[in-house]
Full PDB file with SEQRES, HELIX, SHEET, SSBOND, CRYST1, ORIGX, SCALE, CONECT and MASTER records, all heavy atoms in Angstrom:
SEQRES   1 A   38  ARG LEU LYS SER ASP ASP ILE THR GLN LYS PRO ALA VAL          
SEQRES   2 A   38  VAL MET CYS SER ILE LYS THR GLU ARG PHE ASP LEU TYR          
SEQRES   3 A   38  TRP ALA MET LYS GLN GLY ALA ASP ALA TYR ILE GLY              
HELIX    1 AA1 ARG A   22  GLN A   31  1                                  10    
SHEET    1 AA1 2 VAL A  14  CYS A  16  0                                        
SHEET    2 AA1 2 ALA A  35  ILE A  37  1                                        
CRYST1    1.000    1.000    1.000  90.00  90.00  90.00 P 1           1          
ORIGX1      1.000000  0.000000  0.000000        0.00000                         
ORIGX2      0.000000  1.000000  0.000000        0.00000                         
ORIGX3      0.000000  0.000000  1.000000        0.00000                         
SCALE1      1.000000  0.000000  0.000000        0.00000                         
SCALE2      0.000000  1.000000  0.000000        0.00000                         
SCALE3      0.000000  0.000000  1.000000        0.00000                         
ATOM      1  N   ARG A   1       0.771  -1.182   0.009  1.00  0.00           N  
ATOM      2  CA  ARG A   1       0.131  -0.051  -0.049  1.00  0.00           C  
ATOM      3  C   ARG A   1       0.886   1.277   0.051  1.00  0.00           C  
ATOM      4  O   ARG A   1       0.448   2.223  -0.718  1.00  0.00           O  
ATOM      5  CB  ARG A   1      -0.951  -0.066   1.274  1.00  0.00           C  
ATOM      6  CG  ARG A   1      -2.011  -0.962   1.116  1.00  0.00           C  
ATOM      7  CD  ARG A   1      -2.961  -0.859   2.219  1.00  0.00           C  
ATOM      8  NE  ARG A   1      -4.111  -1.862   2.045  1.00  0.00           N  
ATOM      9  CZ  ARG A   1      -5.230  -1.757   2.709  1.00  0.00           C  
ATOM     10  NH1 ARG A   1      -5.562  -0.665   3.321  1.00  0.00           N  
ATOM     11  NH2 ARG A   1      -6.150  -2.799   2.574  1.00  0.00           N  
ATOM     12  N   LEU A   2       1.847   1.213   0.755  1.00  0.00           N  
ATOM     13  CA  LEU A   2       2.836   2.453   0.806  1.00  0.00           C  
ATOM     14  C   LEU A   2       3.389   2.634  -0.499  1.00  0.00           C  
ATOM     15  O   LEU A   2       3.310   3.868  -1.058  1.00  0.00           O  
ATOM     16  CB  LEU A   2       3.921   2.279   1.781  1.00  0.00           C  
ATOM     17  CG  LEU A   2       3.534   2.300   3.308  1.00  0.00           C  
ATOM     18  CD1 LEU A   2       4.868   1.941   4.046  1.00  0.00           C  
ATOM     19  CD2 LEU A   2       3.025   3.624   3.660  1.00  0.00           C  
ATOM     20  N   LYS A   3       3.910   1.628  -1.179  1.00  0.00           N  
ATOM     21  CA  LYS A   3       4.618   1.800  -2.353  1.00  0.00           C  
ATOM     22  C   LYS A   3       3.694   1.953  -3.651  1.00  0.00           C  
ATOM     23  O   LYS A   3       4.204   2.558  -4.683  1.00  0.00           O  
ATOM     24  CB  LYS A   3       5.524   0.580  -2.662  1.00  0.00           C  
ATOM     25  CG  LYS A   3       6.671   0.545  -1.678  1.00  0.00           C  
ATOM     26  CD  LYS A   3       7.547   1.757  -1.750  1.00  0.00           C  
ATOM     27  CE  LYS A   3       8.924   1.529  -0.906  1.00  0.00           C  
ATOM     28  NZ  LYS A   3       9.792   2.560  -1.084  1.00  0.00           N  
ATOM     29  N   SER A   4       2.442   1.761  -3.498  1.00  0.00           N  
ATOM     30  CA  SER A   4       1.512   1.927  -4.598  1.00  0.00           C  
ATOM     31  C   SER A   4       0.794   3.248  -4.586  1.00  0.00           C  
ATOM     32  O   SER A   4       0.044   3.589  -5.547  1.00  0.00           O  
ATOM     33  CB  SER A   4       0.594   0.711  -4.712  1.00  0.00           C  
ATOM     34  OG  SER A   4      -0.311   0.864  -3.544  1.00  0.00           O  
ATOM     35  N   ASP A   5       0.952   4.083  -3.590  1.00  0.00           N  
ATOM     36  CA  ASP A   5       0.308   5.339  -3.384  1.00  0.00           C  
ATOM     37  C   ASP A   5       1.301   6.375  -3.788  1.00  0.00           C  
ATOM     38  O   ASP A   5       2.312   6.570  -3.168  1.00  0.00           O  
ATOM     39  CB  ASP A   5      -0.270   5.340  -1.996  1.00  0.00           C  
ATOM     40  CG  ASP A   5      -1.036   6.607  -1.602  1.00  0.00           C  
ATOM     41  OD1 ASP A   5      -0.853   7.599  -2.313  1.00  0.00           O  
ATOM     42  OD2 ASP A   5      -1.997   6.497  -0.919  1.00  0.00           O  
ATOM     43  N   ASP A   6       0.970   7.289  -4.564  1.00  0.00           N  
ATOM     44  CA  ASP A   6       1.925   8.505  -4.858  1.00  0.00           C  
ATOM     45  C   ASP A   6       2.316   9.286  -3.751  1.00  0.00           C  
ATOM     46  O   ASP A   6       3.290   9.867  -3.522  1.00  0.00           O  
ATOM     47  CB  ASP A   6       1.292   9.354  -5.898  1.00  0.00           C  
ATOM     48  CG  ASP A   6       1.263   8.727  -7.362  1.00  0.00           C  
ATOM     49  OD1 ASP A   6       2.021   7.671  -7.474  1.00  0.00           O  
ATOM     50  OD2 ASP A   6       0.417   9.161  -8.142  1.00  0.00           O  
ATOM     51  N   ILE A   7       1.369   9.361  -2.714  1.00  0.00           N  
ATOM     52  CA  ILE A   7       1.729  10.254  -1.463  1.00  0.00           C  
ATOM     53  C   ILE A   7       2.679   9.465  -0.442  1.00  0.00           C  
ATOM     54  O   ILE A   7       3.319  10.218   0.131  1.00  0.00           O  
ATOM     55  CB  ILE A   7       0.351  10.654  -0.887  1.00  0.00           C  
ATOM     56  CG1 ILE A   7      -0.436  11.383  -1.841  1.00  0.00           C  
ATOM     57  CG2 ILE A   7       0.527  11.392   0.497  1.00  0.00           C  
ATOM     58  CD1 ILE A   7      -1.971  11.691  -1.371  1.00  0.00           C  
ATOM     59  N   THR A   8       2.515   8.191  -0.453  1.00  0.00           N  
ATOM     60  CA  THR A   8       3.263   7.585   0.572  1.00  0.00           C  
ATOM     61  C   THR A   8       4.383   6.616   0.132  1.00  0.00           C  
ATOM     62  O   THR A   8       5.037   6.004   0.876  1.00  0.00           O  
ATOM     63  CB  THR A   8       2.361   6.640   1.450  1.00  0.00           C  
ATOM     64  OG1 THR A   8       1.698   5.603   0.605  1.00  0.00           O  
ATOM     65  CG2 THR A   8       1.253   7.439   2.197  1.00  0.00           C  
ATOM     66  N   GLN A   9       4.713   6.680  -1.190  1.00  0.00           N  
ATOM     67  CA  GLN A   9       5.781   5.738  -1.691  1.00  0.00           C  
ATOM     68  C   GLN A   9       7.182   6.261  -1.482  1.00  0.00           C  
ATOM     69  O   GLN A   9       8.207   5.566  -1.665  1.00  0.00           O  
ATOM     70  CB  GLN A   9       5.493   5.598  -3.213  1.00  0.00           C  
ATOM     71  CG  GLN A   9       5.728   6.822  -4.007  1.00  0.00           C  
ATOM     72  CD  GLN A   9       5.546   6.468  -5.516  1.00  0.00           C  
ATOM     73  OE1 GLN A   9       6.264   5.877  -6.001  1.00  0.00           O  
ATOM     74  NE2 GLN A   9       4.477   6.951  -6.074  1.00  0.00           N  
ATOM     75  N   LYS A  10       7.391   7.571  -1.012  1.00  0.00           N  
ATOM     76  CA  LYS A  10       8.563   8.126  -0.722  1.00  0.00           C  
ATOM     77  C   LYS A  10       9.538   7.394   0.307  1.00  0.00           C  
ATOM     78  O   LYS A  10      10.657   7.119  -0.131  1.00  0.00           O  
ATOM     79  CB  LYS A  10       8.529   9.643  -0.355  1.00  0.00           C  
ATOM     80  CG  LYS A  10       9.878  10.246  -0.152  1.00  0.00           C  
ATOM     81  CD  LYS A  10       9.702  11.623   0.527  1.00  0.00           C  
ATOM     82  CE  LYS A  10      11.013  12.313   0.962  1.00  0.00           C  
ATOM     83  NZ  LYS A  10      11.482  11.814   2.285  1.00  0.00           N  
ATOM     84  N   PRO A  11       9.018   7.022   1.434  1.00  0.00           N  
ATOM     85  CA  PRO A  11      10.119   6.388   2.340  1.00  0.00           C  
ATOM     86  C   PRO A  11      10.596   5.054   1.799  1.00  0.00           C  
ATOM     87  O   PRO A  11       9.899   4.310   1.375  1.00  0.00           O  
ATOM     88  CB  PRO A  11       9.274   6.233   3.724  1.00  0.00           C  
ATOM     89  CG  PRO A  11       7.851   6.528   3.356  1.00  0.00           C  
ATOM     90  CD  PRO A  11       7.734   7.139   1.997  1.00  0.00           C  
ATOM     91  N   ALA A  12      11.907   4.931   2.185  1.00  0.00           N  
ATOM     92  CA  ALA A  12      12.426   3.566   1.895  1.00  0.00           C  
ATOM     93  C   ALA A  12      11.757   2.545   2.992  1.00  0.00           C  
ATOM     94  O   ALA A  12      11.485   3.000   4.078  1.00  0.00           O  
ATOM     95  CB  ALA A  12      13.894   3.586   2.088  1.00  0.00           C  
ATOM     96  N   VAL A  13      11.680   1.286   2.606  1.00  0.00           N  
ATOM     97  CA  VAL A  13      11.008   0.308   3.491  1.00  0.00           C  
ATOM     98  C   VAL A  13      12.078  -0.812   3.714  1.00  0.00           C  
ATOM     99  O   VAL A  13      12.639  -1.397   2.797  1.00  0.00           O  
ATOM    100  CB  VAL A  13       9.703  -0.259   3.004  1.00  0.00           C  
ATOM    101  CG1 VAL A  13       9.283  -1.486   3.890  1.00  0.00           C  
ATOM    102  CG2 VAL A  13       8.689   0.772   2.767  1.00  0.00           C  
ATOM    103  N   VAL A  14      12.398  -1.145   5.023  1.00  0.00           N  
ATOM    104  CA  VAL A  14      13.298  -2.149   5.437  1.00  0.00           C  
ATOM    105  C   VAL A  14      12.362  -3.148   6.026  1.00  0.00           C  
ATOM    106  O   VAL A  14      11.958  -2.915   7.167  1.00  0.00           O  
ATOM    107  CB  VAL A  14      14.385  -1.705   6.375  1.00  0.00           C  
ATOM    108  CG1 VAL A  14      15.222  -3.008   6.769  1.00  0.00           C  
ATOM    109  CG2 VAL A  14      15.255  -0.627   5.657  1.00  0.00           C  
ATOM    110  N   MET A  15      12.196  -4.296   5.513  1.00  0.00           N  
ATOM    111  CA  MET A  15      11.438  -5.416   6.109  1.00  0.00           C  
ATOM    112  C   MET A  15      12.331  -5.995   7.142  1.00  0.00           C  
ATOM    113  O   MET A  15      13.532  -6.382   6.791  1.00  0.00           O  
ATOM    114  CB  MET A  15      10.921  -6.398   5.090  1.00  0.00           C  
ATOM    115  CG  MET A  15      10.042  -5.894   4.081  1.00  0.00           C  
ATOM    116  SD  MET A  15       8.453  -5.166   4.625  1.00  0.00           S  
ATOM    117  CE  MET A  15       7.516  -6.740   4.653  1.00  0.00           C  
ATOM    118  N   CYS A  16      11.929  -6.241   8.442  1.00  0.00           N  
ATOM    119  CA  CYS A  16      12.792  -6.832   9.426  1.00  0.00           C  
ATOM    120  C   CYS A  16      11.872  -7.834  10.092  1.00  0.00           C  
ATOM    121  O   CYS A  16      10.924  -7.459  10.860  1.00  0.00           O  
ATOM    122  CB  CYS A  16      13.182  -5.771  10.411  1.00  0.00           C  
ATOM    123  SG  CYS A  16      14.372  -6.305  11.658  1.00  0.00           S  
ATOM    124  N   SER A  17      12.030  -9.171   9.764  1.00  0.00           N  
ATOM    125  CA  SER A  17      11.209 -10.257  10.304  1.00  0.00           C  
ATOM    126  C   SER A  17      11.887 -11.544  10.707  1.00  0.00           C  
ATOM    127  O   SER A  17      13.038 -11.820  10.100  1.00  0.00           O  
ATOM    128  CB  SER A  17      10.086 -10.417   9.234  1.00  0.00           C  
ATOM    129  OG  SER A  17       9.221 -11.566   9.624  1.00  0.00           O  
ATOM    130  N   ILE A  18      11.285 -12.356  11.449  1.00  0.00           N  
ATOM    131  CA  ILE A  18      11.658 -13.660  11.826  1.00  0.00           C  
ATOM    132  C   ILE A  18      11.396 -14.609  10.605  1.00  0.00           C  
ATOM    133  O   ILE A  18      12.061 -15.591  10.569  1.00  0.00           O  
ATOM    134  CB  ILE A  18      10.978 -14.150  13.093  1.00  0.00           C  
ATOM    135  CG1 ILE A  18      11.775 -15.317  13.708  1.00  0.00           C  
ATOM    136  CG2 ILE A  18       9.520 -14.440  12.797  1.00  0.00           C  
ATOM    137  CD1 ILE A  18      11.441 -15.628  15.063  1.00  0.00           C  
ATOM    138  N   LYS A  19      10.626 -14.132   9.699  1.00  0.00           N  
ATOM    139  CA  LYS A  19      10.314 -15.052   8.503  1.00  0.00           C  
ATOM    140  C   LYS A  19      11.583 -14.796   7.565  1.00  0.00           C  
ATOM    141  O   LYS A  19      11.694 -13.855   7.056  1.00  0.00           O  
ATOM    142  CB  LYS A  19       9.200 -14.520   7.791  1.00  0.00           C  
ATOM    143  CG  LYS A  19       7.825 -14.776   8.677  1.00  0.00           C  
ATOM    144  CD  LYS A  19       6.544 -14.192   8.098  1.00  0.00           C  
ATOM    145  CE  LYS A  19       6.168 -14.824   6.671  1.00  0.00           C  
ATOM    146  NZ  LYS A  19       5.597 -16.295   6.832  1.00  0.00           N  
ATOM    147  N   THR A  20      12.377 -15.909   7.489  1.00  0.00           N  
ATOM    148  CA  THR A  20      13.703 -15.812   6.618  1.00  0.00           C  
ATOM    149  C   THR A  20      13.757 -16.775   5.534  1.00  0.00           C  
ATOM    150  O   THR A  20      14.740 -16.965   4.991  1.00  0.00           O  
ATOM    151  CB  THR A  20      14.781 -15.896   7.712  1.00  0.00           C  
ATOM    152  OG1 THR A  20      14.644 -17.230   8.346  1.00  0.00           O  
ATOM    153  CG2 THR A  20      14.891 -14.750   8.666  1.00  0.00           C  
ATOM    154  N   GLU A  21      12.691 -17.314   5.122  1.00  0.00           N  
ATOM    155  CA  GLU A  21      12.642 -18.214   3.947  1.00  0.00           C  
ATOM    156  C   GLU A  21      12.928 -17.413   2.618  1.00  0.00           C  
ATOM    157  O   GLU A  21      12.643 -16.153   2.622  1.00  0.00           O  
ATOM    158  CB  GLU A  21      11.560 -19.109   3.908  1.00  0.00           C  
ATOM    159  CG  GLU A  21      11.185 -20.033   5.006  1.00  0.00           C  
ATOM    160  CD  GLU A  21      12.140 -21.058   5.111  1.00  0.00           C  
ATOM    161  OE1 GLU A  21      12.652 -21.573   4.041  1.00  0.00           O  
ATOM    162  OE2 GLU A  21      12.603 -21.424   6.200  1.00  0.00           O  
ATOM    163  N   ARG A  22      13.596 -18.044   1.647  1.00  0.00           N  
ATOM    164  CA  ARG A  22      13.704 -17.265   0.396  1.00  0.00           C  
ATOM    165  C   ARG A  22      12.451 -16.667  -0.169  1.00  0.00           C  
ATOM    166  O   ARG A  22      12.475 -15.581  -0.742  1.00  0.00           O  
ATOM    167  CB  ARG A  22      14.245 -18.208  -0.697  1.00  0.00           C  
ATOM    168  CG  ARG A  22      15.771 -18.555  -0.324  1.00  0.00           C  
ATOM    169  CD  ARG A  22      16.213 -19.440  -1.437  1.00  0.00           C  
ATOM    170  NE  ARG A  22      17.014 -18.504  -2.326  1.00  0.00           N  
ATOM    171  CZ  ARG A  22      17.824 -18.827  -3.167  1.00  0.00           C  
ATOM    172  NH1 ARG A  22      18.198 -20.119  -3.313  1.00  0.00           N  
ATOM    173  NH2 ARG A  22      18.383 -17.919  -3.903  1.00  0.00           N  
ATOM    174  N   PHE A  23      11.320 -17.453   0.031  1.00  0.00           N  
ATOM    175  CA  PHE A  23       9.980 -16.872  -0.489  1.00  0.00           C  
ATOM    176  C   PHE A  23       9.613 -15.550   0.294  1.00  0.00           C  
ATOM    177  O   PHE A  23       9.208 -14.632  -0.444  1.00  0.00           O  
ATOM    178  CB  PHE A  23       8.924 -17.902  -0.303  1.00  0.00           C  
ATOM    179  CG  PHE A  23       7.547 -17.282  -0.568  1.00  0.00           C  
ATOM    180  CD1 PHE A  23       7.241 -17.226  -1.962  1.00  0.00           C  
ATOM    181  CD2 PHE A  23       6.549 -16.839   0.331  1.00  0.00           C  
ATOM    182  CE1 PHE A  23       5.916 -16.678  -2.289  1.00  0.00           C  
ATOM    183  CE2 PHE A  23       5.354 -16.397  -0.084  1.00  0.00           C  
ATOM    184  CZ  PHE A  23       5.131 -16.277  -1.411  1.00  0.00           C  
ATOM    185  N   ASP A  24       9.972 -15.396   1.587  1.00  0.00           N  
ATOM    186  CA  ASP A  24       9.741 -14.253   2.258  1.00  0.00           C  
ATOM    187  C   ASP A  24      10.410 -13.075   1.693  1.00  0.00           C  
ATOM    188  O   ASP A  24       9.842 -12.003   1.515  1.00  0.00           O  
ATOM    189  CB  ASP A  24      10.014 -14.415   3.774  1.00  0.00           C  
ATOM    190  CG  ASP A  24       9.273 -15.473   4.478  1.00  0.00           C  
ATOM    191  OD1 ASP A  24       8.046 -15.660   4.255  1.00  0.00           O  
ATOM    192  OD2 ASP A  24       9.886 -16.558   5.052  1.00  0.00           O  
ATOM    193  N   LEU A  25      11.703 -13.205   1.541  1.00  0.00           N  
ATOM    194  CA  LEU A  25      12.536 -12.211   0.915  1.00  0.00           C  
ATOM    195  C   LEU A  25      11.955 -11.810  -0.557  1.00  0.00           C  
ATOM    196  O   LEU A  25      11.831 -10.666  -0.828  1.00  0.00           O  
ATOM    197  CB  LEU A  25      13.995 -12.645   0.871  1.00  0.00           C  
ATOM    198  CG  LEU A  25      14.872 -11.798   0.038  1.00  0.00           C  
ATOM    199  CD1 LEU A  25      15.000 -10.452   0.662  1.00  0.00           C  
ATOM    200  CD2 LEU A  25      16.294 -12.361  -0.176  1.00  0.00           C  
ATOM    201  N   TYR A  26      11.691 -12.857  -1.229  1.00  0.00           N  
ATOM    202  CA  TYR A  26      11.078 -12.600  -2.650  1.00  0.00           C  
ATOM    203  C   TYR A  26       9.884 -11.799  -2.489  1.00  0.00           C  
ATOM    204  O   TYR A  26       9.728 -10.809  -3.311  1.00  0.00           O  
ATOM    205  CB  TYR A  26      10.929 -14.012  -3.380  1.00  0.00           C  
ATOM    206  CG  TYR A  26      10.003 -13.756  -4.573  1.00  0.00           C  
ATOM    207  CD1 TYR A  26      10.646 -13.328  -5.730  1.00  0.00           C  
ATOM    208  CD2 TYR A  26       8.709 -14.165  -4.492  1.00  0.00           C  
ATOM    209  CE1 TYR A  26       9.856 -13.226  -6.896  1.00  0.00           C  
ATOM    210  CE2 TYR A  26       7.969 -14.006  -5.676  1.00  0.00           C  
ATOM    211  CZ  TYR A  26       8.651 -13.548  -6.925  1.00  0.00           C  
ATOM    212  OH  TYR A  26       7.772 -13.388  -8.104  1.00  0.00           O  
ATOM    213  N   TRP A  27       9.028 -12.246  -1.705  1.00  0.00           N  
ATOM    214  CA  TRP A  27       7.717 -11.557  -1.572  1.00  0.00           C  
ATOM    215  C   TRP A  27       7.769 -10.185  -1.092  1.00  0.00           C  
ATOM    216  O   TRP A  27       7.124  -9.217  -1.444  1.00  0.00           O  
ATOM    217  CB  TRP A  27       6.727 -12.440  -0.677  1.00  0.00           C  
ATOM    218  CG  TRP A  27       5.240 -12.041  -0.920  1.00  0.00           C  
ATOM    219  CD1 TRP A  27       4.427 -11.588   0.049  1.00  0.00           C  
ATOM    220  CD2 TRP A  27       4.442 -12.108  -2.135  1.00  0.00           C  
ATOM    221  NE1 TRP A  27       3.310 -11.166  -0.501  1.00  0.00           N  
ATOM    222  CE2 TRP A  27       3.232 -11.643  -1.794  1.00  0.00           C  
ATOM    223  CE3 TRP A  27       4.753 -12.514  -3.406  1.00  0.00           C  
ATOM    224  CZ2 TRP A  27       2.197 -11.506  -2.749  1.00  0.00           C  
ATOM    225  CZ3 TRP A  27       3.722 -12.364  -4.406  1.00  0.00           C  
ATOM    226  CH2 TRP A  27       2.451 -11.853  -4.004  1.00  0.00           C  
ATOM    227  N   ALA A  28       8.647  -9.994  -0.084  1.00  0.00           N  
ATOM    228  CA  ALA A  28       8.946  -8.508   0.388  1.00  0.00           C  
ATOM    229  C   ALA A  28       9.276  -7.572  -0.727  1.00  0.00           C  
ATOM    230  O   ALA A  28       8.943  -6.494  -0.797  1.00  0.00           O  
ATOM    231  CB  ALA A  28       9.909  -8.600   1.461  1.00  0.00           C  
ATOM    232  N   MET A  29      10.308  -8.118  -1.559  1.00  0.00           N  
ATOM    233  CA  MET A  29      10.857  -7.267  -2.646  1.00  0.00           C  
ATOM    234  C   MET A  29       9.780  -7.150  -3.714  1.00  0.00           C  
ATOM    235  O   MET A  29       9.683  -5.986  -4.277  1.00  0.00           O  
ATOM    236  CB  MET A  29      12.078  -7.905  -3.307  1.00  0.00           C  
ATOM    237  CG  MET A  29      13.256  -7.993  -2.284  1.00  0.00           C  
ATOM    238  SD  MET A  29      13.633  -6.376  -1.739  1.00  0.00           S  
ATOM    239  CE  MET A  29      14.695  -6.792  -0.284  1.00  0.00           C  
ATOM    240  N   LYS A  30       8.957  -8.089  -3.876  1.00  0.00           N  
ATOM    241  CA  LYS A  30       7.824  -8.026  -4.851  1.00  0.00           C  
ATOM    242  C   LYS A  30       6.810  -6.934  -4.476  1.00  0.00           C  
ATOM    243  O   LYS A  30       6.229  -6.195  -5.275  1.00  0.00           O  
ATOM    244  CB  LYS A  30       7.075  -9.327  -4.899  1.00  0.00           C  
ATOM    245  CG  LYS A  30       6.109  -9.460  -6.106  1.00  0.00           C  
ATOM    246  CD  LYS A  30       6.858  -9.940  -7.403  1.00  0.00           C  
ATOM    247  CE  LYS A  30       5.916 -10.326  -8.410  1.00  0.00           C  
ATOM    248  NZ  LYS A  30       6.304  -9.879  -9.724  1.00  0.00           N  
ATOM    249  N   GLN A  31       6.724  -6.708  -3.110  1.00  0.00           N  
ATOM    250  CA  GLN A  31       5.775  -5.659  -2.610  1.00  0.00           C  
ATOM    251  C   GLN A  31       6.351  -4.279  -2.730  1.00  0.00           C  
ATOM    252  O   GLN A  31       5.650  -3.291  -2.262  1.00  0.00           O  
ATOM    253  CB  GLN A  31       5.244  -6.053  -1.123  1.00  0.00           C  
ATOM    254  CG  GLN A  31       4.663  -7.317  -1.050  1.00  0.00           C  
ATOM    255  CD  GLN A  31       3.557  -7.649  -2.151  1.00  0.00           C  
ATOM    256  OE1 GLN A  31       2.690  -6.913  -2.297  1.00  0.00           O  
ATOM    257  NE2 GLN A  31       3.770  -8.707  -2.789  1.00  0.00           N  
ATOM    258  N   GLY A  32       7.637  -4.173  -2.860  1.00  0.00           N  
ATOM    259  CA  GLY A  32       8.339  -2.911  -3.009  1.00  0.00           C  
ATOM    260  C   GLY A  32       9.330  -2.560  -1.839  1.00  0.00           C  
ATOM    261  O   GLY A  32       9.797  -1.406  -1.826  1.00  0.00           O  
ATOM    262  N   ALA A  33       9.699  -3.614  -1.082  1.00  0.00           N  
ATOM    263  CA  ALA A  33      10.713  -3.466  -0.034  1.00  0.00           C  
ATOM    264  C   ALA A  33      12.057  -2.990  -0.652  1.00  0.00           C  
ATOM    265  O   ALA A  33      12.425  -3.539  -1.617  1.00  0.00           O  
ATOM    266  CB  ALA A  33      10.818  -4.556   0.936  1.00  0.00           C  
ATOM    267  N   ASP A  34      12.765  -2.099   0.112  1.00  0.00           N  
ATOM    268  CA  ASP A  34      14.081  -1.790  -0.357  1.00  0.00           C  
ATOM    269  C   ASP A  34      15.160  -2.595   0.150  1.00  0.00           C  
ATOM    270  O   ASP A  34      16.312  -2.586  -0.331  1.00  0.00           O  
ATOM    271  CB  ASP A  34      14.342  -0.283  -0.081  1.00  0.00           C  
ATOM    272  CG  ASP A  34      13.229   0.646  -0.685  1.00  0.00           C  
ATOM    273  OD1 ASP A  34      13.517   0.923  -1.914  1.00  0.00           O  
ATOM    274  OD2 ASP A  34      12.390   1.024  -0.019  1.00  0.00           O  
ATOM    275  N   ALA A  35      14.917  -3.183   1.330  1.00  0.00           N  
ATOM    276  CA  ALA A  35      15.947  -4.061   1.874  1.00  0.00           C  
ATOM    277  C   ALA A  35      15.170  -5.065   2.786  1.00  0.00           C  
ATOM    278  O   ALA A  35      14.050  -4.952   3.189  1.00  0.00           O  
ATOM    279  CB  ALA A  35      16.889  -3.355   2.660  1.00  0.00           C  
ATOM    280  N   TYR A  36      15.932  -6.251   3.141  1.00  0.00           N  
ATOM    281  CA  TYR A  36      15.245  -7.202   4.005  1.00  0.00           C  
ATOM    282  C   TYR A  36      16.229  -7.754   5.059  1.00  0.00           C  
ATOM    283  O   TYR A  36      17.310  -8.025   4.613  1.00  0.00           O  
ATOM    284  CB  TYR A  36      14.726  -8.410   3.176  1.00  0.00           C  
ATOM    285  CG  TYR A  36      13.890  -9.330   3.857  1.00  0.00           C  
ATOM    286  CD1 TYR A  36      12.467  -9.249   3.752  1.00  0.00           C  
ATOM    287  CD2 TYR A  36      14.405 -10.316   4.640  1.00  0.00           C  
ATOM    288  CE1 TYR A  36      11.662 -10.237   4.383  1.00  0.00           C  
ATOM    289  CE2 TYR A  36      13.539 -11.263   5.346  1.00  0.00           C  
ATOM    290  CZ  TYR A  36      12.149 -11.072   5.183  1.00  0.00           C  
ATOM    291  OH  TYR A  36      11.299 -11.944   5.896  1.00  0.00           O  
ATOM    292  N   ILE A  37      15.923  -7.718   6.221  1.00  0.00           N  
ATOM    293  CA  ILE A  37      16.794  -8.109   7.345  1.00  0.00           C  
ATOM    294  C   ILE A  37      16.101  -9.181   8.140  1.00  0.00           C  
ATOM    295  O   ILE A  37      14.981  -8.966   8.677  1.00  0.00           O  
ATOM    296  CB  ILE A  37      17.279  -7.029   8.256  1.00  0.00           C  
ATOM    297  CG1 ILE A  37      18.052  -5.960   7.414  1.00  0.00           C  
ATOM    298  CG2 ILE A  37      18.126  -7.514   9.335  1.00  0.00           C  
ATOM    299  CD1 ILE A  37      18.529  -4.742   8.141  1.00  0.00           C  
ATOM    300  N   GLY A  38      16.646 -10.341   8.317  1.00  0.00           N  
ATOM    301  CA  GLY A  38      16.162 -11.442   9.073  1.00  0.00           C  
ATOM    302  C   GLY A  38      16.415 -11.234  10.640  1.00  0.00           C  
ATOM    303  O   GLY A  38      17.593 -10.742  10.997  1.00  0.00           O  
TER     304      GLY A  38                                                      
MASTER        0    0    0    1    2    0    0    6  303    1    0    3          
END                                                                             
């Protein structure tokens, strides 16, 4: 939602989660995350 809205897409997003499977990283990047930290 942040990355798809012209008003809220400016901030970089760092996903930081206990979910560390390759799919989690892939899906986070697919949603627009700029970085992923497990």
